[in-house]
């Protein structure tokens, strides 16, 4: 099956805007898969439409909190399987069969390993045995391995459904530890279970401005490591050419490094435009066209762009390093801003910087050895645990990276092979 070809269902007791970790996973998976071309449909007991390209079907009896489900659940917790259980199960079979017919696949969150709606679990087992679609069991919680839940579980049907490997179903765990637990529970090799972690949305967590998000996407800034910030207007005393030589050396050591020069040409000297042109030529000569960005020229409509205070604040949150190679400054506010943003400062050894940063910045001769500065930045990146964890999160645990590294390959395999 080719990417984005066909309907893909995602099923859970509840969907956004209900708040929860599973519901957040559904939200991000659904929107990203829709952007990849899948016709995503969410099936849930509770929720509301949450994205223009994602259809939501509500099946009230799929909700873990539906009154009939709660009534049956209270009897099941006492070891009884009432007639109401079968009636609920069979109604769900009819509803789900209609919705899943012709679906390429269905991701089921928790319902195959958690006891919060056993009629739903049993209905899904019937449909899995019918091979109505390719099921993926996404296992966040394991009822049989949770001491809090064991008193509500009994030997036999339907409780055993939660600790039995269903034929033809592909199992997913959210961590390697949970994979090992699930393998033990089901009696299957751990290698047969796929690990797909949850993620985070940097723009959401950092509360980034819309302009900032658009800039990140235009320049693919989340892929930069390190992301170096030079907050300055383009004037000769800012010594930006030295920063370009630093980046040329740094990119030899860290090819994904990127530099953002945030300001426009200084407004009070007509030669500053010529200075910008000379910097562009130097950037080309050094092979840095895709690694050094003058944000004045990176606007959304290819017209001169003046970075707002809001976007500047976001760039300090995103940056890994401040590079400040000025020949002279009256004070140097970016040093303070970097300190507030908790990013390391690599700056010219000039009196205002010594006054504000003291020994807390890495100082260099603004006409000295650019490669030495690059080595210092690379050493910081190689030894600072905060930087390394941040990069690990950005490259392994954003929702987009989870999609590309784990979810898309899984869907390609399951929907193509039926396993």
Protein backbone atom coordinates (compact mmCIF):
# COMPACT_ATOMS: atom_id res chain seq x y z
CA UNK A 1 0.00 0.00 0.00
CA UNK A 2 1.37 3.40 -0.96
CA UNK A 3 1.61 6.27 1.48
CA UNK A 4 -1.69 7.98 2.10
CA UNK A 5 -3.72 5.46 0.08
CA UNK A 6 -7.00 4.57 1.79
CA UNK A 7 -8.99 5.08 4.98
CA UNK A 8 -7.27 4.71 8.31
CA UNK A 9 -9.31 4.43 11.50
CA UNK A 10 -8.11 5.31 15.00
CA UNK A 11 -10.23 3.98 17.87
CA UNK A 12 -10.31 4.76 21.58
CA UNK A 13 -12.76 5.26 24.41
CA UNK A 14 -12.45 9.04 23.95
CA UNK A 15 -10.99 11.52 21.49
CA UNK A 16 -9.92 15.17 21.69
CA UNK A 17 -10.78 17.58 23.17
CA UNK A 18 -10.92 15.12 26.08
CA UNK A 19 -7.65 15.65 27.95
CA UNK A 20 -5.27 12.73 28.35
CA UNK A 21 -2.06 11.24 27.05
CA UNK A 22 -3.82 8.82 24.70
CA UNK A 23 -6.09 11.56 23.39
CA UNK A 24 -3.05 13.78 22.75
CA UNK A 25 -1.44 10.93 20.80
CA UNK A 26 -4.58 10.54 18.72
CA UNK A 27 -4.68 14.27 17.99
CA UNK A 28 -1.11 14.48 16.73
CA UNK A 29 -1.15 11.17 14.85
CA UNK A 30 -4.41 12.08 13.14
CA UNK A 31 -3.37 15.55 11.98
CA UNK A 32 0.05 14.42 10.77
CA UNK A 33 -1.29 11.34 8.97
CA UNK A 34 -3.96 13.48 7.32
CA UNK A 35 -1.20 15.78 6.08
CA UNK A 36 0.50 12.68 4.62
CA UNK A 37 -2.60 11.93 2.58
CA UNK A 38 -4.39 9.36 4.71
CA UNK A 39 -8.16 9.64 5.06
CA UNK A 40 -8.12 9.51 8.85
CA UNK A 41 -11.30 8.72 10.76
CA UNK A 42 -11.44 8.68 14.55
CA UNK A 43 -13.91 6.34 16.25
CA UNK A 44 -14.63 7.16 19.89
CA UNK A 45 -17.25 7.08 22.58
CA UNK A 46 -16.69 10.72 23.49
CA UNK A 47 -15.13 13.71 21.77
CA UNK A 48 -15.70 16.35 19.13
CA UNK A 49 -14.37 17.17 15.66
CA UNK A 50 -10.87 18.54 16.27
CA UNK A 51 -9.28 18.94 12.84
CA UNK A 52 -10.78 19.93 9.48
CA UNK A 53 -9.25 16.94 7.69
CA UNK A 54 -10.13 14.31 10.31
CA UNK A 55 -13.62 12.85 10.48
CA UNK A 56 -14.91 11.86 13.94
CA UNK A 57 -17.52 9.13 14.46
CA UNK A 58 -19.06 8.94 17.93
CA UNK A 59 -20.16 5.55 19.25
CA UNK A 60 -21.42 6.35 22.77
CA UNK A 61 -21.16 2.73 23.95
CA UNK A 62 -17.44 2.68 23.11
CA UNK A 63 -16.94 5.19 25.95
CA UNK A 64 -15.48 3.77 29.15
CA UNK A 65 -17.90 6.03 31.07
CA UNK A 66 -21.13 5.15 29.27
CA UNK A 67 -23.78 4.21 31.90
CA UNK A 68 -24.44 0.79 30.36
CA UNK A 69 -20.70 0.08 30.19
CA UNK A 70 -20.25 1.09 33.82
CA UNK A 71 -23.17 -1.12 34.89
CA UNK A 72 -21.76 -4.13 33.07
CA UNK A 73 -18.27 -3.30 34.34
CA UNK A 74 -19.36 -3.35 37.97
CA UNK A 75 -20.74 -6.88 37.50
CA UNK A 76 -17.64 -8.01 35.62
CA UNK A 77 -15.47 -6.72 38.47
CA UNK A 78 -17.31 -9.18 40.75
CA UNK A 79 -16.54 -12.07 38.43
CA UNK A 80 -19.96 -12.12 36.76
CA UNK A 81 -20.59 -11.86 33.00
CA UNK A 82 -24.15 -10.51 32.71
CA UNK A 83 -26.46 -10.73 29.72
CA UNK A 84 -25.99 -7.01 29.23
CA UNK A 85 -22.38 -7.69 28.32
CA UNK A 86 -23.34 -9.74 25.26
CA UNK A 87 -25.95 -7.20 24.18
CA UNK A 88 -23.41 -4.35 24.36
CA UNK A 89 -20.76 -6.40 22.58
CA UNK A 90 -23.06 -7.31 19.73
CA UNK A 91 -24.31 -3.74 19.23
CA UNK A 92 -20.71 -2.57 19.02
CA UNK A 93 -19.88 -5.31 16.53
CA UNK A 94 -22.64 -4.05 14.22
CA UNK A 95 -21.60 -0.39 14.52
CA UNK A 96 -17.89 -1.04 14.14
CA UNK A 97 -18.34 -3.48 11.27
CA UNK A 98 -20.14 -0.77 9.31
CA UNK A 99 -17.43 1.79 10.02
CA UNK A 100 -14.45 -0.48 9.45
CA UNK A 101 -15.57 -2.15 6.24
CA UNK A 102 -13.14 -1.09 3.51
CA UNK A 103 -10.83 0.63 6.02
CA UNK A 104 -7.19 -0.10 5.22
CA UNK A 105 -6.38 -0.40 8.90
CA UNK A 106 -7.46 0.45 12.43
CA UNK A 107 -5.23 1.61 15.28
CA UNK A 108 -6.86 0.60 18.58
CA UNK A 109 -5.59 2.45 21.64
CA UNK A 110 -5.64 0.45 24.88
CA UNK A 111 -8.90 -1.44 24.32
CA UNK A 112 -7.08 -4.72 23.58
CA UNK A 113 -5.08 -4.72 26.85
CA UNK A 114 -7.15 -2.58 29.25
CA UNK A 115 -10.42 -3.53 30.93
CA UNK A 116 -12.20 -0.17 30.89
CA UNK A 117 -14.78 -1.37 28.32
CA UNK A 118 -14.71 -5.16 27.98
CA UNK A 119 -17.74 -5.28 25.65
CA UNK A 120 -15.70 -3.15 23.25
CA UNK A 121 -12.70 -5.44 23.67
CA UNK A 122 -14.85 -8.49 22.91
CA UNK A 123 -16.43 -6.80 19.88
CA UNK A 124 -13.00 -6.02 18.49
CA UNK A 125 -11.93 -9.65 18.92
CA UNK A 126 -14.88 -10.79 16.83
CA UNK A 127 -13.98 -8.30 14.10
CA UNK A 128 -10.31 -9.25 14.27
CA UNK A 129 -11.25 -12.90 13.76
CA UNK A 130 -13.30 -11.82 10.73
CA UNK A 131 -10.21 -10.07 9.29
CA UNK A 132 -12.39 -7.06 8.53
CA UNK A 133 -9.31 -4.83 8.52
CA UNK A 134 -5.70 -4.80 9.67
CA UNK A 135 -5.70 -4.07 13.41
CA UNK A 136 -2.84 -2.43 15.30
CA UNK A 137 -3.10 -2.74 19.10
CA UNK A 138 -1.49 0.36 20.62
CA UNK A 139 -0.79 -0.62 24.22
CA UNK A 140 -0.29 2.22 26.70
CA UNK A 141 -1.60 0.28 29.72
CA UNK A 142 -1.68 -3.41 30.61
CA UNK A 143 -4.49 -4.31 33.00
CA UNK A 144 -3.14 -7.76 33.88
CA UNK A 145 0.22 -6.31 34.90
CA UNK A 146 -1.14 -3.47 37.03
CA UNK A 147 -1.69 -4.32 40.71
CA UNK A 148 -4.46 -1.70 40.92
CA UNK A 149 -6.51 -3.51 38.30
CA UNK A 150 -5.92 -7.16 39.14
CA UNK A 151 -8.81 -7.40 41.67
CA UNK A 152 -11.23 -6.53 38.84
CA UNK A 153 -9.95 -9.33 36.59
CA UNK A 154 -10.87 -13.00 36.56
CA UNK A 155 -9.70 -16.10 34.72
CA UNK A 156 -11.67 -16.90 31.59
CA UNK A 157 -13.70 -14.96 29.04
CA UNK A 158 -13.77 -11.98 28.53
CA UNK A 159 -10.92 -11.09 30.88
CA UNK A 160 -8.43 -13.41 29.15
CA UNK A 161 -8.80 -11.38 25.95
CA UNK A 162 -6.55 -8.79 27.61
CA UNK A 163 -3.65 -11.22 28.07
CA UNK A 164 -3.90 -13.20 24.86
CA UNK A 165 -2.04 -12.45 21.63
CA UNK A 166 -4.72 -12.03 18.95
CA UNK A 167 -3.90 -13.67 15.61
CA UNK A 168 -3.20 -11.20 12.82
CA UNK A 169 -2.98 -8.18 15.15
CA UNK A 170 0.24 -6.15 15.29
CA UNK A 171 1.11 -4.98 18.79
CA UNK A 172 2.73 -1.65 19.63
CA UNK A 173 4.20 -0.59 22.97
CA UNK A 174 5.12 2.96 23.94
CA UNK A 175 8.52 2.12 25.45
CA UNK A 176 11.02 -0.73 25.46
CA UNK A 177 10.19 -1.48 29.10
CA UNK A 178 6.49 -1.68 28.25
CA UNK A 179 7.35 -3.87 25.24
CA UNK A 180 9.10 -6.35 27.53
CA UNK A 181 6.13 -6.36 29.91
CA UNK A 182 3.71 -6.89 27.04
CA UNK A 183 5.81 -9.71 25.57
CA UNK A 184 5.79 -11.49 28.93
CA UNK A 185 2.04 -11.00 29.29
CA UNK A 186 1.21 -12.30 25.81
CA UNK A 187 3.92 -14.97 25.69
CA UNK A 188 5.40 -13.66 22.44
CA UNK A 189 8.94 -12.62 21.47
CA UNK A 190 9.69 -9.02 22.40
CA UNK A 191 11.02 -8.49 18.88
CA UNK A 192 7.53 -9.07 17.46
CA UNK A 193 6.28 -5.94 19.24
CA UNK A 194 7.01 -2.52 17.73
CA UNK A 195 8.06 0.33 20.01
CA UNK A 196 6.61 3.72 19.07
CA UNK A 197 7.12 6.40 21.74
CA UNK A 198 4.84 9.36 22.31
CA UNK A 199 6.14 12.80 21.41
CA UNK A 200 5.94 16.49 22.08
CA UNK A 201 5.14 19.49 19.92
CA UNK A 202 7.91 22.10 20.41
CA UNK A 203 5.75 24.94 19.12
CA UNK A 204 3.00 24.03 21.58
CA UNK A 205 5.29 23.44 24.55
CA UNK A 206 7.30 26.62 23.96
CA UNK A 207 4.16 28.60 23.04
CA UNK A 208 5.80 29.88 19.87
CA UNK A 209 4.30 32.68 17.83
CA UNK A 210 2.76 31.79 14.48
CA UNK A 211 5.43 33.77 12.65
CA UNK A 212 8.10 31.81 14.48
CA UNK A 213 6.51 28.48 13.56
CA UNK A 214 6.36 29.53 9.90
CA UNK A 215 10.05 30.53 10.02
CA UNK A 216 11.00 27.21 11.61
CA UNK A 217 9.22 25.35 8.83
CA UNK A 218 10.67 27.53 6.03
CA UNK A 219 14.23 27.05 7.22
CA UNK A 220 13.82 23.61 8.84
CA UNK A 221 15.37 25.00 12.01
CA UNK A 222 14.52 22.04 14.24
CA UNK A 223 17.01 20.02 12.21
CA UNK A 224 19.85 22.44 13.00
CA UNK A 225 22.32 21.36 15.65
CA UNK A 226 23.56 23.53 17.02
CA UNK A 227 21.36 26.49 16.15
CA UNK A 228 23.57 29.56 16.57
CA UNK A 229 22.00 32.98 17.11
CA UNK A 230 23.59 36.31 16.18
CA UNK A 231 21.12 39.04 17.16
CA UNK A 232 22.47 42.15 15.46
CA UNK A 233 21.77 44.72 12.80
CA UNK A 234 23.97 44.34 9.76
CA UNK A 235 26.66 46.96 10.32
CA UNK A 236 30.41 46.61 10.01
CA UNK A 237 31.13 47.01 13.71
CA UNK A 238 29.10 43.83 14.36
CA UNK A 239 31.93 41.93 12.65
CA UNK A 240 29.55 39.42 11.05
CA UNK A 241 32.18 38.17 8.62
CA UNK A 242 34.05 36.69 11.59
CA UNK A 243 30.88 34.74 12.49
CA UNK A 244 30.78 33.35 8.95
CA UNK A 245 34.35 32.11 9.27
CA UNK A 246 33.44 30.53 12.62
CA UNK A 247 30.51 28.76 10.94
CA UNK A 248 32.69 27.53 8.09
CA UNK A 249 34.96 25.84 10.63
CA UNK A 250 32.08 24.63 12.80
CA UNK A 251 30.29 23.03 9.84
CA UNK A 252 33.38 20.93 9.23
CA UNK A 253 32.90 19.51 12.71
CA UNK A 254 29.09 19.65 12.92
CA UNK A 255 27.59 19.71 9.40
CA UNK A 256 24.05 20.42 10.62
CA UNK A 257 25.02 23.67 12.39
CA UNK A 258 23.12 26.78 11.32
CA UNK A 259 23.49 30.51 12.03
CA UNK A 260 20.69 33.07 12.18
CA UNK A 261 21.64 36.73 11.74
CA UNK A 262 18.47 38.43 12.90
CA UNK A 263 18.71 42.13 12.04
CA UNK A 264 18.28 44.25 8.92
CA UNK A 265 21.00 46.48 7.50
CA UNK A 266 21.61 49.41 9.83
CA UNK A 267 19.31 52.28 8.91
CA UNK A 268 21.75 55.17 9.30
CA UNK A 269 24.57 54.30 6.94
CA UNK A 270 23.91 53.68 3.22
CA UNK A 271 27.02 51.48 2.99
CA UNK A 272 25.35 48.83 5.13
CA UNK A 273 23.52 47.42 2.10
CA UNK A 274 26.88 46.99 0.41
CA UNK A 275 28.11 45.26 3.58
CA UNK A 276 25.19 42.81 3.39
CA UNK A 277 26.06 42.08 -0.23
CA UNK A 278 29.67 41.41 0.73
CA UNK A 279 28.48 39.04 3.45
CA UNK A 280 26.33 37.20 0.94
CA UNK A 281 29.31 36.76 -1.36
CA UNK A 282 31.42 35.50 1.54
CA UNK A 283 28.66 33.09 2.53
CA UNK A 284 28.70 31.65 -0.99
CA UNK A 285 32.49 31.44 -1.09
CA UNK A 286 32.52 29.54 2.21
CA UNK A 287 29.81 27.12 1.06
CA UNK A 288 27.35 28.29 3.73
CA UNK A 289 24.32 29.16 1.60
CA UNK A 290 22.21 26.53 3.37
CA UNK A 291 23.78 27.04 6.79
CA UNK A 292 23.76 30.84 7.34
CA UNK A 293 20.54 32.83 7.12
CA UNK A 294 20.06 36.58 7.10
CA UNK A 295 16.52 36.78 8.43
CA UNK A 296 16.03 40.18 6.79
CA UNK A 297 15.85 38.19 3.56
CA UNK A 298 13.87 35.22 4.87
CA UNK A 299 10.38 36.66 5.08
CA UNK A 300 7.32 34.72 3.99
CA UNK A 301 6.80 36.77 0.83
CA UNK A 302 10.44 37.32 -0.21
CA UNK A 303 10.24 40.96 0.78
CA UNK A 304 12.50 42.52 3.43
CA UNK A 305 11.45 41.16 6.80
CA UNK A 306 11.88 42.84 10.15
CA UNK A 307 11.87 40.30 12.97
CA UNK A 308 9.35 41.18 15.68
CA UNK A 309 10.11 41.22 19.40
CA UNK A 310 7.88 38.18 19.80
CA UNK A 311 9.81 36.21 17.19
CA UNK A 312 13.11 37.33 18.75
CA UNK A 313 11.95 35.99 22.10
CA UNK A 314 11.11 32.68 20.43
CA UNK A 315 14.51 32.51 18.73
CA UNK A 316 16.22 32.80 22.10
CA UNK A 317 14.17 29.81 23.26
CA UNK A 318 15.12 27.82 20.17
CA UNK A 319 18.81 28.74 19.95
CA UNK A 320 21.56 26.57 21.38
CA UNK A 321 24.35 29.16 21.33
CA UNK A 322 24.74 32.95 21.21
CA UNK A 323 27.58 34.12 18.96
CA UNK A 324 28.42 37.79 19.48
CA UNK A 325 31.55 38.85 17.55
CA UNK A 326 31.17 42.65 17.74
CA UNK A 327 34.27 44.82 17.52
CA UNK A 328 32.68 47.36 19.85
CA UNK A 329 29.44 47.90 21.76
CA UNK A 330 28.00 50.55 24.01
CA UNK A 331 26.70 47.76 26.22
CA UNK A 332 25.50 44.61 24.38
CA UNK A 333 21.94 43.74 25.43
CA UNK A 334 22.02 40.30 23.73
CA UNK A 335 24.38 39.10 26.47
CA UNK A 336 21.66 39.75 29.05
CA UNK A 337 18.97 38.22 26.86
CA UNK A 338 21.05 35.07 26.38
CA UNK A 339 21.62 34.81 30.12
CA UNK A 340 17.89 35.04 30.74
CA UNK A 341 17.26 32.39 28.08
CA UNK A 342 19.94 30.10 29.62
CA UNK A 343 21.98 29.71 26.46
CA UNK A 344 25.79 29.84 26.47
CA UNK A 345 27.50 33.00 25.26
CA UNK A 346 30.49 33.04 22.91
CA UNK A 347 31.39 36.68 22.58
CA UNK A 348 34.11 39.18 21.75
CA UNK A 349 36.49 40.01 24.56
CA UNK A 350 35.53 43.68 24.75
CA UNK A 351 34.93 45.80 27.89
CA UNK A 352 31.08 45.88 27.84
CA UNK A 353 30.90 42.08 27.55
CA UNK A 354 33.42 41.61 30.35
CA UNK A 355 31.35 43.98 32.46
CA UNK A 356 27.99 42.20 31.94
CA UNK A 357 29.08 38.56 31.64
CA UNK A 358 32.30 38.52 33.62
CA UNK A 359 33.83 35.05 33.50
CA UNK A 360 30.51 33.45 32.62
CA UNK A 361 30.93 33.79 28.84
CA UNK A 362 33.47 32.21 26.52
CA UNK A 363 35.43 35.26 25.27
CA UNK A 364 37.51 35.51 22.12
CA UNK A 365 39.53 38.02 20.15
CA UNK A 366 37.16 39.42 17.48
CA UNK A 367 40.07 39.41 15.02
CA UNK A 368 41.55 36.14 16.24
CA UNK A 369 41.27 32.49 15.28
CA UNK A 370 37.75 31.65 14.04
CA UNK A 371 38.52 27.92 14.09
CA UNK A 372 39.38 28.13 17.79
CA UNK A 373 35.95 29.63 18.47
CA UNK A 374 34.34 26.87 16.41
CA UNK A 375 36.22 24.23 18.41
CA UNK A 376 34.98 25.81 21.64
CA UNK A 377 31.37 25.68 20.44
CA UNK A 378 31.78 22.07 19.30
CA UNK A 379 33.32 21.16 22.68
CA UNK A 380 30.37 22.71 24.48
CA UNK A 381 27.96 20.68 22.33
CA UNK A 382 29.91 17.48 22.95
CA UNK A 383 30.04 17.87 26.73
CA UNK A 384 26.89 19.69 27.85
CA UNK A 385 24.17 17.27 28.94
CA UNK A 386 21.38 19.85 28.69
CA UNK A 387 22.26 20.54 25.05
CA UNK A 388 22.51 16.84 24.28
CA UNK A 389 19.16 16.00 25.88
CA UNK A 390 17.51 18.87 24.02
CA UNK A 391 18.89 17.56 20.72
CA UNK A 392 17.78 14.04 21.56
CA UNK A 393 14.25 15.28 22.20
CA UNK A 394 14.17 17.35 19.00
CA UNK A 395 15.47 14.57 16.80
CA UNK A 396 13.76 11.56 18.38
CA UNK A 397 10.70 12.69 20.30
CA UNK A 398 8.84 15.39 18.43
CA UNK A 399 5.57 14.18 16.97
CA UNK A 400 6.93 14.76 13.48
CA UNK A 401 10.08 12.72 14.12
CA UNK A 402 8.02 9.93 15.71
CA UNK A 403 5.83 9.92 12.61
CA UNK A 404 8.77 9.72 10.20
CA UNK A 405 10.95 7.30 12.17
CA UNK A 406 8.32 4.94 13.57
CA UNK A 407 4.70 5.40 12.56
CA UNK A 408 5.05 5.68 8.79
CA UNK A 409 7.31 2.61 8.51
CA UNK A 410 4.91 0.65 10.73
CA UNK A 411 1.89 1.57 8.62
CA UNK A 412 3.72 0.80 5.40
CA UNK A 413 4.56 -2.66 6.71
CA UNK A 414 1.20 -3.50 8.29
CA UNK A 415 -1.03 -2.13 5.57
CA UNK A 416 1.08 -3.69 2.81
CA UNK A 417 1.60 -7.09 4.40
CA UNK A 418 -1.34 -7.45 6.72
CA UNK A 419 0.96 -8.13 9.68
